[in-house]
Amino acid sequence: MGVKVVPWWSEHKTSPEFPTEKFKSLKKEADNTHPEIVPTVVSWTETSDTISRRFQFQPDGELFVKVLNDSRPVIHKVSESFVNTFFPSGYPYSVNEGYLRYTQFRALQHFSSAALSVLSTQSLLFAAGLRPTPAQATAVSWILKDGMQHVGKLICSSLGARMDSEPKRWRILADVLYDMGTGLEVLSPLCPQLFLEMAGLGNFAKGMATVAARATRLPIYSSFAKEGNLSDLYAKGEAISTVFNMFGLGAGIQLVSTVCSSMQGKIIVGSFLSAIHVYSTYEEMRSAPINTLNPQRTAMIIEDFLKTGKVSSPADLRYREDLLFPGRLIKEAGNVKVGRNLHKVMKPSRLKQLKEIFPHEKFVLNFGKTSIDMVLEQTASGEDALRGWLVAAYASRVANQEVDMIEEAYEKMNTVMPTLLFELRAKGWHTDRFLDGTGCRFGF
């Protein structure tokens, strides 16, 4: 069975109501007609008390903005331009708490660092037997950072996991190393016969500082990226660094021409700039609300949760972190240690006993006289570390930590764990990973 399709005009080609000539005329007109698609332009005007702007989407999708009327005072225009250049889009709502304080001390840190570099470079050249002008010292500061610096970078690169766990501590250590290297360069004219040794050690320390500072930059910026705007934060941070580095170089040139023209002046001013440099970095790090779990932050979270029943946010804990000695034990959180090798923590018989109590857990605990060692499996996450920490904290509250007490602590942990996890994620903590920094984990 077939279906025959007949064009509609074939039915009327002999009809007097529809003559063939008329059809041909209509068909010719239709063939010569090419309708053009006119692109739609969308535009609107936004008006406030002081400024009126016209927004228009071009046919290619690009947004065009034109200021129609702007009655703002000049100071307001300048301040808005400053914010747009040096702060992320949508500031202050697009960043987490503490970003402004972090930025202020970051600017001061870069200013003092750049000024200090001019002093150290001039001292190196004097120690090498040259007598440069301040402008020459600034120009060659970009050349004298090679050599032993590469060795320092290679050595420090092997410590990346520790930097993930404690980025604040390593960021402070980076500036301490940098100032030590700079100090050796400043003092090099006192013993020109040891120029190569002092310059080499100085560049070695500065090479390690460079790697540590760059490696810790990403987790610090990530702690402020409230809306996933990490690239914007990085770009604006680099803008601030560039501007204040230039100011610092200018100040350094002025200093070596005046008060730092003598060795005594260099030592006094260099020490002062170094103190400002390290202090600024310390305050920077205190203001950063790191939201990843490491041993110190996990212990403080467990301590607060057991005391108050509430979970502290990253911003709550930032000023309580010990940035210089983060390995301290917290009694209220069970005096838990993380990072020791399994064979150093417990005997095989004890391990078998614990795995029978927690057959599906990715942690084991060994109860010592003064502390509790926790060893994680290779695939353990932040949630697994929290579970083990809670068991240790509950078990440490009783005098006898035998099997029945450990089982009781395990049951308590399972009861409160859903609430703890929910609150942690609501406060912005990342529970998908645990950064202990040692890499000492086990697997069966």
Foldseek 3Di string as FASTA:
>chain_A
DDDDDDDPVVVCCPPPVDHVVNVVVVVVVVVPDDDDDDQDKDKDWDDDPFWIKIWIQDSVRDIDIDTPGGRDDPVVVVVVVVCPQQHFPPPPVQWDFLPVLLLVLLLLLLLLLLLLLLLLQCLLCVLLVHHDASVVSNVCSVVLLDDLLVVLQVVLVVLLLQCVQQVLLLLLVLLVLQLVLSVLSLCSNVPSVCSVVSSNSSSSSNSSSVNSNVSSPQLQLVLTRRPVPSVRNVNSSVVSSVVSSVNSSVVNSVCCVPQVVDSVSSVVSSVVSSVSNSVSSNSSQLSGLRQEAEVQQLLVQQLCCVVPVAGDFSRRCSNVQDSNCRQDADVLQQQEDEQDAPVVQDDPVQVVVQCVLVVPAQWGWHDDDRGIYIAGAPQDWLLSVSLVSQLNNQLSVDPDNDPVSSSVSNVVSVVCSVVSVVNSVVSPHDGGHYRHSNSRHHDD
